[in-house]
Amino acid sequence: MPARPLPLDHTVAIRTGYWFEALCYRDARDRPPELLDRAMLDTPEEAVRRIRLQIRTAHPFTLSPTEAHRALTWADGGGRIHALAALHRGETAGFSIVLRGGLRPEWRVRPVDYLSLTPTPTGTIRICVRVT
């Protein structure tokens, strides 16, 4: 008798998450930009924390003094607070800087609704679905 797969029970739910993208533009006309990072995150705080971490670890030595000040002011001050407020209101938030070589990293976070399929017992599979 051939083996038959066991049926799995699934729990289905529509959840709100935060789609995070880090992109890099070579110049103003560069299309498409280089994708540096992307992830589905659970909270606005997690998304803004990820931007702050990447600003502090990936770019401090390639920024002009003016851009370094602007980036750190965003990461430690009002910029991150405004971004958190926008995400909690269901709006997109982001930040971009210009590196000394002209590269333009950009971080974007937008709220999305996604379909969560949870098979038992292995974990969650996420499928991004825009529900408007």
N, C-alpha and C. Protein backbone atom coordinates (compact mmCIF):
# COMPACT_ATOMS: atom_id res chain seq x y z
N MET A 1 0.84 -1.16 0.00
CA MET A 1 0.00 0.00 0.00
C MET A 1 0.90 1.24 0.00
N PRO A 2 0.68 2.21 -0.94
CA PRO A 2 1.51 3.41 -0.98
C PRO A 2 1.24 4.31 0.22
N ALA A 3 2.27 5.02 0.61
CA ALA A 3 2.12 5.97 1.73
C ALA A 3 1.28 7.16 1.29
N ARG A 4 0.41 7.61 2.16
CA ARG A 4 -0.42 8.79 1.87
C ARG A 4 -0.07 9.87 2.87
N PRO A 5 0.05 11.11 2.38
CA PRO A 5 0.37 12.19 3.32
C PRO A 5 -0.77 12.40 4.30
N LEU A 6 -0.41 12.75 5.50
CA LEU A 6 -1.42 13.04 6.52
C LEU A 6 -2.00 14.42 6.28
N PRO A 7 -3.30 14.59 6.43
CA PRO A 7 -3.86 15.94 6.28
C PRO A 7 -3.43 16.81 7.46
N LEU A 8 -3.19 18.07 7.15
CA LEU A 8 -2.83 19.03 8.20
C LEU A 8 -3.99 19.98 8.43
N ASP A 9 -4.25 20.28 9.68
CA ASP A 9 -5.23 21.31 10.00
C ASP A 9 -4.52 22.66 9.94
N HIS A 10 -5.20 23.65 9.38
CA HIS A 10 -4.64 24.99 9.28
C HIS A 10 -5.55 26.00 9.95
N THR A 11 -4.95 26.97 10.59
CA THR A 11 -5.68 28.11 11.11
C THR A 11 -5.39 29.27 10.16
N VAL A 12 -6.44 29.96 9.73
CA VAL A 12 -6.29 31.05 8.77
C VAL A 12 -6.71 32.35 9.44
N ALA A 13 -5.92 33.39 9.24
CA ALA A 13 -6.26 34.69 9.82
C ALA A 13 -5.69 35.80 8.94
N ILE A 14 -6.41 36.91 8.86
CA ILE A 14 -5.88 38.12 8.23
C ILE A 14 -5.23 38.94 9.34
N ARG A 15 -3.96 39.26 9.16
CA ARG A 15 -3.21 39.99 10.17
C ARG A 15 -2.62 41.26 9.56
N THR A 16 -2.31 42.21 10.41
CA THR A 16 -1.62 43.42 9.97
C THR A 16 -0.14 43.26 10.30
N GLY A 17 0.69 43.54 9.33
CA GLY A 17 2.13 43.51 9.52
C GLY A 17 2.74 44.76 8.90
N TYR A 18 4.05 44.82 8.90
CA TYR A 18 4.76 45.99 8.39
C TYR A 18 5.83 45.53 7.42
N TRP A 19 5.65 45.88 6.14
CA TRP A 19 6.56 45.47 5.08
C TRP A 19 7.73 46.45 5.05
N PHE A 20 8.91 45.94 5.35
CA PHE A 20 10.14 46.73 5.44
C PHE A 20 10.98 46.49 4.19
N GLU A 21 11.48 47.56 3.59
CA GLU A 21 12.40 47.45 2.46
C GLU A 21 13.54 48.44 2.64
N ALA A 22 14.74 47.99 2.34
CA ALA A 22 15.91 48.87 2.25
C ALA A 22 16.40 48.78 0.81
N LEU A 23 16.45 49.93 0.14
CA LEU A 23 16.83 50.00 -1.26
C LEU A 23 18.01 50.93 -1.42
N CYS A 24 18.74 50.79 -2.54
CA CYS A 24 19.85 51.70 -2.81
C CYS A 24 19.76 52.15 -4.27
N TYR A 25 19.68 53.46 -4.46
CA TYR A 25 19.66 54.05 -5.80
C TYR A 25 21.06 54.53 -6.14
N ARG A 26 21.53 54.21 -7.34
CA ARG A 26 22.85 54.66 -7.79
C ARG A 26 22.84 56.15 -8.10
N ASP A 27 21.75 56.62 -8.71
CA ASP A 27 21.56 58.05 -8.98
C ASP A 27 20.06 58.31 -9.11
N ALA A 28 19.70 59.53 -9.41
CA ALA A 28 18.28 59.91 -9.44
C ALA A 28 17.51 59.17 -10.53
N ARG A 29 18.19 58.72 -11.59
CA ARG A 29 17.50 58.05 -12.70
C ARG A 29 17.64 56.53 -12.65
N ASP A 30 18.24 56.00 -11.62
CA ASP A 30 18.48 54.56 -11.51
C ASP A 30 17.18 53.81 -11.32
N ARG A 31 16.87 52.90 -12.23
CA ARG A 31 15.69 52.04 -12.13
C ARG A 31 16.05 50.66 -12.57
N PRO A 32 15.71 49.62 -11.91
CA PRO A 32 15.18 49.61 -10.54
C PRO A 32 16.33 49.74 -9.54
N PRO A 33 16.03 50.14 -8.33
CA PRO A 33 17.07 50.25 -7.31
C PRO A 33 17.53 48.86 -6.86
N GLU A 34 18.69 48.82 -6.25
CA GLU A 34 19.20 47.56 -5.69
C GLU A 34 18.48 47.28 -4.37
N LEU A 35 17.96 46.07 -4.24
CA LEU A 35 17.29 45.67 -3.00
C LEU A 35 18.35 45.21 -2.01
N LEU A 36 18.43 45.87 -0.87
CA LEU A 36 19.41 45.53 0.16
C LEU A 36 18.83 44.61 1.22
N ASP A 37 17.57 44.83 1.57
CA ASP A 37 16.95 44.05 2.64
C ASP A 37 15.44 44.20 2.53
N ARG A 38 14.72 43.18 2.93
CA ARG A 38 13.26 43.27 3.04
C ARG A 38 12.79 42.22 4.03
N ALA A 39 11.70 42.56 4.70
CA ALA A 39 11.17 41.63 5.71
C ALA A 39 9.75 42.03 6.07
N MET A 40 8.97 41.06 6.50
CA MET A 40 7.66 41.31 7.09
C MET A 40 7.86 41.34 8.60
N LEU A 41 7.51 42.46 9.21
CA LEU A 41 7.71 42.63 10.65
C LEU A 41 6.36 42.76 11.34
N ASP A 42 6.34 42.49 12.63
CA ASP A 42 5.08 42.43 13.36
C ASP A 42 4.61 43.76 13.94
N THR A 43 5.54 44.67 14.23
CA THR A 43 5.15 45.93 14.88
C THR A 43 5.87 47.11 14.25
N PRO A 44 5.30 48.32 14.37
CA PRO A 44 6.00 49.52 13.90
C PRO A 44 7.33 49.72 14.64
N GLU A 45 7.36 49.41 15.91
CA GLU A 45 8.59 49.57 16.70
C GLU A 45 9.71 48.70 16.15
N GLU A 46 9.38 47.48 15.78
CA GLU A 46 10.37 46.56 15.20
C GLU A 46 10.91 47.12 13.88
N ALA A 47 10.04 47.70 13.07
CA ALA A 47 10.45 48.26 11.78
C ALA A 47 11.38 49.46 11.96
N VAL A 48 11.01 50.38 12.84
CA VAL A 48 11.84 51.57 13.07
C VAL A 48 13.16 51.17 13.72
N ARG A 49 13.14 50.19 14.60
CA ARG A 49 14.38 49.70 15.22
C ARG A 49 15.33 49.16 14.15
N ARG A 50 14.78 48.48 13.15
CA ARG A 50 15.61 47.93 12.07
C ARG A 50 16.25 49.05 11.24
N ILE A 51 15.49 50.10 10.95
CA ILE A 51 16.06 51.25 10.23
C ILE A 51 17.19 51.87 11.06
N ARG A 52 16.93 52.11 12.33
CA ARG A 52 17.94 52.72 13.21
C ARG A 52 19.21 51.89 13.26
N LEU A 53 19.07 50.58 13.38
CA LEU A 53 20.22 49.69 13.43
C LEU A 53 21.02 49.77 12.13
N GLN A 54 20.33 49.75 10.99
CA GLN A 54 21.04 49.80 9.72
C GLN A 54 21.72 51.15 9.49
N ILE A 55 21.09 52.23 9.91
CA ILE A 55 21.72 53.55 9.78
C ILE A 55 23.01 53.58 10.60
N ARG A 56 22.95 53.07 11.81
CA ARG A 56 24.10 53.15 12.71
C ARG A 56 25.23 52.19 12.32
N THR A 57 24.91 51.03 11.77
CA THR A 57 25.96 50.03 11.51
C THR A 57 26.48 50.03 10.09
N ALA A 58 25.67 50.40 9.13
CA ALA A 58 26.09 50.24 7.74
C ALA A 58 26.68 51.49 7.11
N HIS A 59 26.33 52.67 7.60
CA HIS A 59 26.69 53.87 6.85
C HIS A 59 27.45 54.97 7.57
N PRO A 60 27.83 54.86 8.82
CA PRO A 60 28.39 56.04 9.50
C PRO A 60 29.69 56.57 8.90
N PHE A 61 30.50 55.70 8.29
CA PHE A 61 31.79 56.16 7.77
C PHE A 61 31.71 56.66 6.34
N THR A 62 30.60 56.44 5.67
CA THR A 62 30.47 56.88 4.28
C THR A 62 29.61 58.12 4.15
N LEU A 63 29.23 58.71 5.27
CA LEU A 63 28.39 59.90 5.25
C LEU A 63 29.22 61.17 5.44
N SER A 64 28.80 62.23 4.79
CA SER A 64 29.41 63.54 5.05
C SER A 64 29.00 63.94 6.47
N PRO A 65 29.69 64.87 7.08
CA PRO A 65 29.30 65.29 8.43
C PRO A 65 27.85 65.77 8.51
N THR A 66 27.39 66.48 7.48
CA THR A 66 26.00 66.97 7.47
C THR A 66 25.01 65.81 7.43
N GLU A 67 25.26 64.84 6.54
CA GLU A 67 24.35 63.69 6.42
C GLU A 67 24.43 62.80 7.66
N ALA A 68 25.62 62.66 8.25
CA ALA A 68 25.74 61.87 9.48
C ALA A 68 24.90 62.50 10.58
N HIS A 69 24.97 63.82 10.71
CA HIS A 69 24.17 64.51 11.72
C HIS A 69 22.68 64.31 11.46
N ARG A 70 22.27 64.47 10.19
CA ARG A 70 20.86 64.29 9.82
C ARG A 70 20.39 62.87 10.12
N ALA A 71 21.21 61.87 9.77
CA ALA A 71 20.83 60.47 10.00
C ALA A 71 20.70 60.16 11.49
N LEU A 72 21.67 60.61 12.27
CA LEU A 72 21.62 60.33 13.71
C LEU A 72 20.51 61.11 14.39
N THR A 73 20.22 62.31 13.91
CA THR A 73 19.09 63.07 14.45
C THR A 73 17.78 62.34 14.18
N TRP A 74 17.65 61.76 12.97
CA TRP A 74 16.44 60.99 12.65
C TRP A 74 16.37 59.76 13.56
N ALA A 75 17.49 59.03 13.66
CA ALA A 75 17.50 57.77 14.40
C ALA A 75 17.26 57.96 15.90
N ASP A 76 17.74 59.06 16.46
CA ASP A 76 17.65 59.26 17.91
C ASP A 76 16.60 60.27 18.33
N GLY A 77 16.01 60.95 17.38
CA GLY A 77 15.11 62.03 17.75
C GLY A 77 13.76 61.99 17.07
N GLY A 78 13.36 63.17 16.60
CA GLY A 78 12.01 63.36 16.08
C GLY A 78 11.65 62.51 14.88
N GLY A 79 12.61 62.21 14.02
CA GLY A 79 12.30 61.43 12.82
C GLY A 79 11.71 60.07 13.13
N ARG A 80 12.32 59.37 14.05
CA ARG A 80 11.81 58.04 14.39
C ARG A 80 10.44 58.13 15.07
N ILE A 81 10.23 59.18 15.85
CA ILE A 81 8.94 59.35 16.53
C ILE A 81 7.84 59.63 15.51
N HIS A 82 8.14 60.49 14.52
CA HIS A 82 7.17 60.76 13.45
C HIS A 82 6.90 59.50 12.63
N ALA A 83 7.94 58.70 12.38
CA ALA A 83 7.76 57.45 11.63
C ALA A 83 6.86 56.48 12.40
N LEU A 84 7.09 56.34 13.70
CA LEU A 84 6.24 55.47 14.51
C LEU A 84 4.79 55.94 14.50
N ALA A 85 4.59 57.25 14.63
CA ALA A 85 3.23 57.79 14.63
C ALA A 85 2.55 57.52 13.29
N ALA A 86 3.27 57.72 12.19
CA ALA A 86 2.69 57.47 10.86
C ALA A 86 2.30 56.01 10.70
N LEU A 87 3.16 55.10 11.12
CA LEU A 87 2.86 53.67 11.00
C LEU A 87 1.66 53.28 11.86
N HIS A 88 1.57 53.83 13.05
CA HIS A 88 0.42 53.54 13.91
C HIS A 88 -0.88 54.09 13.32
N ARG A 89 -0.78 55.15 12.48
CA ARG A 89 -1.96 55.68 11.80
C ARG A 89 -2.27 54.92 10.52
N GLY A 90 -1.45 53.94 10.17
CA GLY A 90 -1.67 53.17 8.95
C GLY A 90 -1.04 53.80 7.71
N GLU A 91 -0.10 54.72 7.90
CA GLU A 91 0.56 55.40 6.79
C GLU A 91 1.97 54.84 6.58
N THR A 92 2.51 55.06 5.39
CA THR A 92 3.87 54.65 5.06
C THR A 92 4.86 55.61 5.72
N ALA A 93 6.02 55.09 6.10
CA ALA A 93 7.08 55.91 6.68
C ALA A 93 8.41 55.51 6.06
N GLY A 94 9.37 56.41 6.08
CA GLY A 94 10.67 56.08 5.52
C GLY A 94 11.70 57.15 5.79
N PHE A 95 12.91 56.87 5.32
CA PHE A 95 14.03 57.79 5.50
C PHE A 95 15.05 57.48 4.41
N SER A 96 15.74 58.51 3.92
CA SER A 96 16.80 58.29 2.94
C SER A 96 17.97 59.23 3.24
N ILE A 97 19.15 58.82 2.81
CA ILE A 97 20.35 59.62 2.99
C ILE A 97 21.15 59.57 1.70
N VAL A 98 22.14 60.46 1.59
CA VAL A 98 23.03 60.48 0.43
C VAL A 98 24.44 60.20 0.93
N LEU A 99 25.05 59.13 0.40
CA LEU A 99 26.42 58.78 0.77
C LEU A 99 27.40 59.64 -0.01
N ARG A 100 28.65 59.66 0.43
CA ARG A 100 29.67 60.50 -0.23
C ARG A 100 29.83 60.17 -1.70
N GLY A 101 29.68 58.93 -2.10
CA GLY A 101 29.83 58.53 -3.50
C GLY A 101 28.59 58.79 -4.34
N GLY A 102 27.56 59.38 -3.76
CA GLY A 102 26.34 59.66 -4.51
C GLY A 102 25.27 58.60 -4.39
N LEU A 103 25.58 57.47 -3.75
CA LEU A 103 24.57 56.43 -3.55
C LEU A 103 23.49 56.96 -2.60
N ARG A 104 22.26 56.49 -2.82
CA ARG A 104 21.14 56.97 -2.01
C ARG A 104 20.39 55.79 -1.38
N PRO A 105 20.79 55.37 -0.18
CA PRO A 105 20.02 54.33 0.51
C PRO A 105 18.68 54.90 0.98
N GLU A 106 17.68 54.07 0.91
CA GLU A 106 16.33 54.48 1.34
C GLU A 106 15.70 53.33 2.11
N TRP A 107 15.06 53.66 3.20
CA TRP A 107 14.33 52.68 4.01
C TRP A 107 12.86 53.04 3.95
N ARG A 108 12.02 52.04 3.70
CA ARG A 108 10.57 52.26 3.62
C ARG A 108 9.86 51.19 4.43
N VAL A 109 8.81 51.60 5.12
CA VAL A 109 7.97 50.66 5.85
C VAL A 109 6.53 51.03 5.56
N ARG A 110 5.72 50.03 5.23
CA ARG A 110 4.30 50.30 5.01
C ARG A 110 3.46 49.22 5.67
N PRO A 111 2.35 49.63 6.25
CA PRO A 111 1.45 48.65 6.85
C PRO A 111 0.78 47.82 5.74
N VAL A 112 0.69 46.53 5.95
CA VAL A 112 0.01 45.64 5.00
C VAL A 112 -0.83 44.64 5.78
N ASP A 113 -1.88 44.19 5.17
CA ASP A 113 -2.64 43.08 5.70
C ASP A 113 -2.20 41.84 4.94
N TYR A 114 -1.99 40.75 5.66
CA TYR A 114 -1.57 39.52 5.00
C TYR A 114 -2.35 38.35 5.55
N LEU A 115 -2.39 37.31 4.76
CA LEU A 115 -3.07 36.09 5.12
C LEU A 115 -2.08 35.18 5.83
N SER A 116 -2.39 34.82 7.04
CA SER A 116 -1.52 33.95 7.83
C SER A 116 -2.10 32.55 7.84
N LEU A 117 -1.32 31.60 7.35
CA LEU A 117 -1.71 30.19 7.39
C LEU A 117 -0.81 29.51 8.42
N THR A 118 -1.39 28.95 9.43
CA THR A 118 -0.60 28.32 10.48
C THR A 118 -0.88 26.83 10.51
N PRO A 119 0.01 26.03 9.90
CA PRO A 119 -0.17 24.59 10.01
C PRO A 119 0.25 24.12 11.40
N THR A 120 -0.33 23.06 11.84
CA THR A 120 0.08 22.52 13.13
C THR A 120 1.09 21.41 12.88
N PRO A 121 2.13 21.31 13.62
CA PRO A 121 2.65 22.16 14.68
C PRO A 121 3.85 22.99 14.22
N THR A 122 4.10 23.17 12.92
CA THR A 122 5.40 23.67 12.46
C THR A 122 5.58 25.18 12.44
N GLY A 123 4.57 26.02 12.52
CA GLY A 123 4.79 27.46 12.52
C GLY A 123 3.92 28.18 11.51
N THR A 124 4.27 29.43 11.24
CA THR A 124 3.45 30.30 10.40
C THR A 124 4.07 30.46 9.02
N ILE A 125 3.24 30.36 8.00
CA ILE A 125 3.63 30.68 6.63
C ILE A 125 2.96 32.00 6.31
N ARG A 126 3.71 32.99 5.84
CA ARG A 126 3.13 34.30 5.55
C ARG A 126 3.03 34.51 4.04
N ILE A 127 1.87 34.96 3.63
CA ILE A 127 1.65 35.34 2.25
C ILE A 127 1.16 36.78 2.27
N CYS A 128 1.89 37.67 1.62
CA CYS A 128 1.54 39.09 1.66
C CYS A 128 0.36 39.38 0.74
N VAL A 129 -0.69 39.94 1.28
CA VAL A 129 -1.89 40.28 0.52
C VAL A 129 -2.29 41.69 0.89
N ARG A 130 -2.47 42.55 -0.10
CA ARG A 130 -2.92 43.92 0.18
C ARG A 130 -4.44 43.92 0.23
N VAL A 131 -5.00 44.31 1.35
CA VAL A 131 -6.45 44.38 1.53
C VAL A 131 -6.80 45.84 1.74
N THR A 132 -7.61 46.40 0.84
CA THR A 132 -7.99 47.81 1.00
C THR A 132 -9.49 47.95 1.04
